[in-house]
Amino acid sequence: MHIPPYHKRPSWQRFLAGVAIGTIIGYIIFIYMFGELQEQWIEENLALRGDLQDLRQSYENLRKNHEALDQQTKQGLQVGEINIEFLNLEELNIDSDRIMIQQLEDSIRTEASHAIGKSVEEIINSIDLLISTIENKTINIDDFRFQAEVRRIIVTETVYLSIELKMAES
């Protein structure tokens, strides 16, 4: 028996070419969608890890400070959290890199974490120590080195830090 040579007909050639091109386009779309979902998952994972680290540090600091304050029975407001705002992300061209911004926030929050659980008066009295702690740290992320400079600090139950970043010199 002889199989008819359909591959020589133009209509079959167009059909087979369409199947091949459609498969390639479908694969490209699949790879793009998978990459976007993977990036979102990584960002969410980093954010959750940072939150978990903050909660663990806050818990430890609050526990230690609670034991000390039980002995003193001192009345007053306590610092509960730290909010960080970067002033010049656009100038450094990292305003769209959410992963790097998250890592910068985590690094600065780690340096300032000793303020959580302390009274507002204690923080106000040691504000220079808090500022110098943040400014003396060189932050290494990927191949970049940043130096933080505190432009504004507001101390209430939440410490608000406005920070300007500079590229550190090697």
C-alpha atoms as a PDB file:
ATOM      1  CA  MET A   1       0.000   0.000   0.000  1.00  0.00           C
ATOM      2  CA  HIS A   2       1.164   3.472  -0.809  1.00  0.00           C
ATOM      3  CA  ILE A   3       0.658   6.492   1.541  1.00  0.00           C
ATOM      4  CA  PRO A   4      -0.347   9.589  -0.412  1.00  0.00           C
ATOM      5  CA  PRO A   5       2.308  12.392  -0.337  1.00  0.00           C
ATOM      6  CA  TYR A   6       0.276  15.043   1.535  1.00  0.00           C
ATOM      7  CA  HIS A   7       3.406  16.969   2.460  1.00  0.00           C
ATOM      8  CA  LYS A   8       3.722  18.163  -1.148  1.00  0.00           C
ATOM      9  CA  ARG A   9       0.319  19.848  -1.204  1.00  0.00           C
ATOM     10  CA  PRO A  10       0.348  23.595  -0.410  1.00  0.00           C
ATOM     11  CA  SER A  11      -2.700  23.368   1.893  1.00  0.00           C
ATOM     12  CA  TRP A  12      -0.977  20.718   4.047  1.00  0.00           C
ATOM     13  CA  GLN A  13       2.255  22.700   4.026  1.00  0.00           C
ATOM     14  CA  ARG A  14       0.402  25.798   5.332  1.00  0.00           C
ATOM     15  CA  PHE A  15      -1.335  23.695   7.995  1.00  0.00           C
ATOM     16  CA  LEU A  16       1.920  22.130   9.225  1.00  0.00           C
ATOM     17  CA  ALA A  17       3.706  25.515   9.185  1.00  0.00           C
ATOM     18  CA  GLY A  18       0.829  27.021  11.199  1.00  0.00           C
ATOM     19  CA  VAL A  19       1.043  24.213  13.760  1.00  0.00           C
ATOM     20  CA  ALA A  20       4.803  24.750  14.112  1.00  0.00           C
ATOM     21  CA  ILE A  21       4.536  28.555  14.455  1.00  0.00           C
ATOM     22  CA  GLY A  22       1.607  28.233  16.879  1.00  0.00           C
ATOM     23  CA  THR A  23       3.584  25.845  19.034  1.00  0.00           C
ATOM     24  CA  ILE A  24       6.555  28.218  19.145  1.00  0.00           C
ATOM     25  CA  ILE A  25       4.370  31.238  20.019  1.00  0.00           C
ATOM     26  CA  GLY A  26       2.545  29.229  22.718  1.00  0.00           C
ATOM     27  CA  TYR A  27       5.830  28.153  24.253  1.00  0.00           C
ATOM     28  CA  ILE A  28       7.127  31.753  24.322  1.00  0.00           C
ATOM     29  CA  ILE A  29       3.918  32.937  26.025  1.00  0.00           C
ATOM     30  CA  PHE A  30       4.191  30.100  28.551  1.00  0.00           C
ATOM     31  CA  ILE A  31       7.802  30.997  29.397  1.00  0.00           C
ATOM     32  CA  TYR A  32       6.888  34.692  29.828  1.00  0.00           C
ATOM     33  CA  MET A  33       3.953  33.941  32.135  1.00  0.00           C
ATOM     34  CA  PHE A  34       6.022  31.481  34.160  1.00  0.00           C
ATOM     35  CA  GLY A  35       8.793  34.076  34.581  1.00  0.00           C
ATOM     36  CA  GLU A  36       6.334  36.736  35.790  1.00  0.00           C
ATOM     37  CA  LEU A  37       4.783  34.364  38.314  1.00  0.00           C
ATOM     38  CA  GLN A  38       8.218  33.253  39.506  1.00  0.00           C
ATOM     39  CA  GLU A  39       9.293  36.881  40.024  1.00  0.00           C
ATOM     40  CA  GLN A  40       6.132  37.656  42.014  1.00  0.00           C
ATOM     41  CA  TRP A  41       6.701  34.569  44.140  1.00  0.00           C
ATOM     42  CA  ILE A  42      10.308  35.581  44.870  1.00  0.00           C
ATOM     43  CA  GLU A  43       9.274  39.126  45.834  1.00  0.00           C
ATOM     44  CA  GLU A  44       6.528  37.835  48.106  1.00  0.00           C
ATOM     45  CA  ASN A  45       8.904  35.302  49.629  1.00  0.00           C
ATOM     46  CA  LEU A  46      11.519  37.985  50.366  1.00  0.00           C
ATOM     47  CA  ALA A  47       8.895  40.282  51.865  1.00  0.00           C
ATOM     48  CA  LEU A  48       7.574  37.501  54.106  1.00  0.00           C
ATOM     49  CA  ARG A  49      11.082  36.527  55.191  1.00  0.00           C
ATOM     50  CA  GLY A  50      11.818  40.155  56.041  1.00  0.00           C
ATOM     51  CA  ASP A  51       8.567  40.415  57.999  1.00  0.00           C
ATOM     52  CA  LEU A  52       9.366  37.202  59.858  1.00  0.00           C
ATOM     53  CA  GLN A  53      12.833  38.460  60.728  1.00  0.00           C
ATOM     54  CA  ASP A  54      11.366  41.778  61.924  1.00  0.00           C
ATOM     55  CA  LEU A  55       8.801  39.974  64.055  1.00  0.00           C
ATOM     56  CA  ARG A  56      11.436  37.742  65.612  1.00  0.00           C
ATOM     57  CA  GLN A  57      13.687  40.694  66.403  1.00  0.00           C
ATOM     58  CA  SER A  58      10.749  42.703  67.721  1.00  0.00           C
ATOM     59  CA  TYR A  59       9.707  39.794  69.907  1.00  0.00           C
ATOM     60  CA  GLU A  60      13.186  39.398  71.376  1.00  0.00           C
ATOM     61  CA  ASN A  61      13.623  43.140  71.925  1.00  0.00           C
ATOM     62  CA  LEU A  62      10.177  43.491  73.457  1.00  0.00           C
ATOM     63  CA  ARG A  63      10.770  40.517  75.732  1.00  0.00           C
ATOM     64  CA  LYS A  64      14.120  41.864  76.952  1.00  0.00           C
ATOM     65  CA  ASN A  65      12.792  45.375  77.409  1.00  0.00           C
ATOM     66  CA  HIS A  66       9.661  44.119  79.145  1.00  0.00           C
ATOM     67  CA  GLU A  67      11.745  42.344  81.758  1.00  0.00           C
ATOM     68  CA  ALA A  68      13.792  45.501  82.353  1.00  0.00           C
ATOM     69  CA  LEU A  69      10.727  47.728  82.510  1.00  0.00           C
ATOM     70  CA  ASP A  70       8.996  45.430  84.968  1.00  0.00           C
ATOM     71  CA  GLN A  71      11.744  46.243  87.439  1.00  0.00           C
ATOM     72  CA  GLN A  72      11.568  49.994  86.829  1.00  0.00           C
ATOM     73  CA  THR A  73       7.759  50.417  86.577  1.00  0.00           C
ATOM     74  CA  LYS A  74       8.383  53.400  84.382  1.00  0.00           C
ATOM     75  CA  GLN A  75       5.403  55.062  82.686  1.00  0.00           C
ATOM     76  CA  GLY A  76       5.628  56.371  79.122  1.00  0.00           C
ATOM     77  CA  LEU A  77       5.210  55.553  75.467  1.00  0.00           C
ATOM     78  CA  GLN A  78       7.161  52.747  73.876  1.00  0.00           C
ATOM     79  CA  VAL A  79       8.396  52.478  70.323  1.00  0.00           C
ATOM     80  CA  GLY A  80       6.522  49.718  68.520  1.00  0.00           C
ATOM     81  CA  GLU A  81       7.719  49.833  64.925  1.00  0.00           C
ATOM     82  CA  ILE A  82      10.062  51.512  62.455  1.00  0.00           C
ATOM     83  CA  ASN A  83       8.969  53.039  59.137  1.00  0.00           C
ATOM     84  CA  ILE A  84      11.620  53.757  56.516  1.00  0.00           C
ATOM     85  CA  GLU A  85      11.304  56.120  53.559  1.00  0.00           C
ATOM     86  CA  PHE A  86      14.003  56.498  50.920  1.00  0.00           C
ATOM     87  CA  LEU A  87      14.288  59.960  49.406  1.00  0.00           C
ATOM     88  CA  ASN A  88      16.454  59.460  46.326  1.00  0.00           C
ATOM     89  CA  LEU A  89      15.672  56.093  44.759  1.00  0.00           C
ATOM     90  CA  GLU A  90      14.957  57.728  41.390  1.00  0.00           C
ATOM     91  CA  GLU A  91      18.362  59.408  41.316  1.00  0.00           C
ATOM     92  CA  LEU A  92      20.097  56.060  41.887  1.00  0.00           C
ATOM     93  CA  ASN A  93      17.882  54.352  39.275  1.00  0.00           C
ATOM     94  CA  ILE A  94      16.725  51.660  41.684  1.00  0.00           C
ATOM     95  CA  ASP A  95      13.143  52.853  42.193  1.00  0.00           C
ATOM     96  CA  SER A  96      11.771  49.966  40.097  1.00  0.00           C
ATOM     97  CA  ASP A  97      13.907  47.255  41.723  1.00  0.00           C
ATOM     98  CA  ARG A  98      11.565  46.148  44.494  1.00  0.00           C
ATOM     99  CA  ILE A  99      13.818  43.332  45.647  1.00  0.00           C
ATOM    100  CA  MET A 100      16.772  45.656  46.244  1.00  0.00           C
ATOM    101  CA  ILE A 101      14.524  48.176  48.039  1.00  0.00           C
ATOM    102  CA  GLN A 102      13.243  45.382  50.305  1.00  0.00           C
ATOM    103  CA  GLN A 103      16.815  44.306  51.084  1.00  0.00           C
ATOM    104  CA  LEU A 104      17.809  47.918  51.840  1.00  0.00           C
ATOM    105  CA  GLU A 105      14.845  48.310  54.201  1.00  0.00           C
ATOM    106  CA  ASP A 106      15.669  45.032  55.941  1.00  0.00           C
ATOM    107  CA  SER A 107      19.292  46.054  56.436  1.00  0.00           C
ATOM    108  CA  ILE A 108      18.426  49.461  57.892  1.00  0.00           C
ATOM    109  CA  ARG A 109      15.611  48.030  60.002  1.00  0.00           C
ATOM    110  CA  THR A 110      18.093  45.506  61.433  1.00  0.00           C
ATOM    111  CA  GLU A 111      20.464  48.312  62.413  1.00  0.00           C
ATOM    112  CA  ALA A 112      17.684  50.320  64.085  1.00  0.00           C
ATOM    113  CA  SER A 113      15.917  47.356  65.689  1.00  0.00           C
ATOM    114  CA  HIS A 114      17.347  48.069  69.149  1.00  0.00           C
ATOM    115  CA  ALA A 115      14.919  51.007  69.368  1.00  0.00           C
ATOM    116  CA  ILE A 116      11.847  48.755  69.356  1.00  0.00           C
ATOM    117  CA  GLY A 117      10.380  48.341  72.815  1.00  0.00           C
ATOM    118  CA  LYS A 118      12.286  51.204  74.391  1.00  0.00           C
ATOM    119  CA  SER A 119      10.540  54.260  75.715  1.00  0.00           C
ATOM    120  CA  VAL A 120      10.289  57.326  73.538  1.00  0.00           C
ATOM    121  CA  GLU A 121      12.330  59.304  76.086  1.00  0.00           C
ATOM    122  CA  GLU A 122      15.187  56.796  75.893  1.00  0.00           C
ATOM    123  CA  ILE A 123      15.234  57.006  72.106  1.00  0.00           C
ATOM    124  CA  ILE A 124      15.128  60.796  72.156  1.00  0.00           C
ATOM    125  CA  ASN A 125      18.051  60.870  74.601  1.00  0.00           C
ATOM    126  CA  SER A 126      20.068  58.486  72.410  1.00  0.00           C
ATOM    127  CA  ILE A 127      18.991  59.847  69.007  1.00  0.00           C
ATOM    128  CA  ASP A 128      22.608  60.562  68.016  1.00  0.00           C
ATOM    129  CA  LEU A 129      23.518  56.934  68.678  1.00  0.00           C
ATOM    130  CA  LEU A 130      20.634  55.737  66.506  1.00  0.00           C
ATOM    131  CA  ILE A 131      21.613  58.074  63.667  1.00  0.00           C
ATOM    132  CA  SER A 132      25.297  57.183  63.819  1.00  0.00           C
ATOM    133  CA  THR A 133      24.435  53.466  63.921  1.00  0.00           C
ATOM    134  CA  ILE A 134      22.536  53.782  60.667  1.00  0.00           C
ATOM    135  CA  GLU A 135      24.975  56.151  58.950  1.00  0.00           C
ATOM    136  CA  ASN A 136      28.155  54.228  59.826  1.00  0.00           C
ATOM    137  CA  LYS A 137      26.922  51.017  58.205  1.00  0.00           C
ATOM    138  CA  THR A 138      27.869  50.285  54.598  1.00  0.00           C
ATOM    139  CA  ILE A 139      25.089  48.266  53.006  1.00  0.00           C
ATOM    140  CA  ASN A 140      26.250  45.620  50.504  1.00  0.00           C
ATOM    141  CA  ILE A 141      23.591  44.343  48.107  1.00  0.00           C
ATOM    142  CA  ASP A 142      24.612  42.348  45.054  1.00  0.00           C
ATOM    143  CA  ASP A 143      27.512  44.328  43.551  1.00  0.00           C
ATOM    144  CA  PHE A 144      26.384  47.671  44.993  1.00  0.00           C
ATOM    145  CA  ARG A 145      27.569  49.394  48.159  1.00  0.00           C
ATOM    146  CA  PHE A 146      25.369  52.048  49.722  1.00  0.00           C
ATOM    147  CA  GLN A 147      25.934  54.537  52.498  1.00  0.00           C
ATOM    148  CA  ALA A 148      22.790  55.755  54.295  1.00  0.00           C
ATOM    149  CA  GLU A 149      22.356  59.299  55.531  1.00  0.00           C
ATOM    150  CA  VAL A 150      19.468  60.135  57.860  1.00  0.00           C
ATOM    151  CA  ARG A 151      17.762  63.327  56.667  1.00  0.00           C
ATOM    152  CA  ARG A 152      14.826  63.323  59.071  1.00  0.00           C
ATOM    153  CA  ILE A 153      13.817  61.268  62.064  1.00  0.00           C
ATOM    154  CA  ILE A 154      10.538  61.456  63.946  1.00  0.00           C
ATOM    155  CA  VAL A 155      10.186  59.567  67.217  1.00  0.00           C
ATOM    156  CA  THR A 156       6.719  58.659  68.475  1.00  0.00           C
ATOM    157  CA  GLU A 157       5.286  55.200  69.055  1.00  0.00           C
ATOM    158  CA  THR A 158       6.613  54.668  65.520  1.00  0.00           C
ATOM    159  CA  VAL A 159      10.099  55.795  64.489  1.00  0.00           C
ATOM    160  CA  TYR A 160       9.920  57.434  61.049  1.00  0.00           C
ATOM    161  CA  LEU A 161      13.239  57.516  59.192  1.00  0.00           C
ATOM    162  CA  SER A 162      13.771  59.510  56.002  1.00  0.00           C
ATOM    163  CA  ILE A 163      16.980  58.240  54.462  1.00  0.00           C
ATOM    164  CA  GLU A 164      19.051  59.397  51.537  1.00  0.00           C
ATOM    165  CA  LEU A 165      21.268  56.769  49.959  1.00  0.00           C
ATOM    166  CA  LYS A 166      24.676  57.389  48.445  1.00  0.00           C
ATOM    167  CA  MET A 167      26.900  55.027  46.559  1.00  0.00           C
ATOM    168  CA  ALA A 168      29.746  54.062  48.900  1.00  0.00           C
ATOM    169  CA  GLU A 169      33.306  54.341  47.717  1.00  0.00           C
ATOM    170  CA  SER A 170      35.360  51.182  47.613  1.00  0.00           C
END
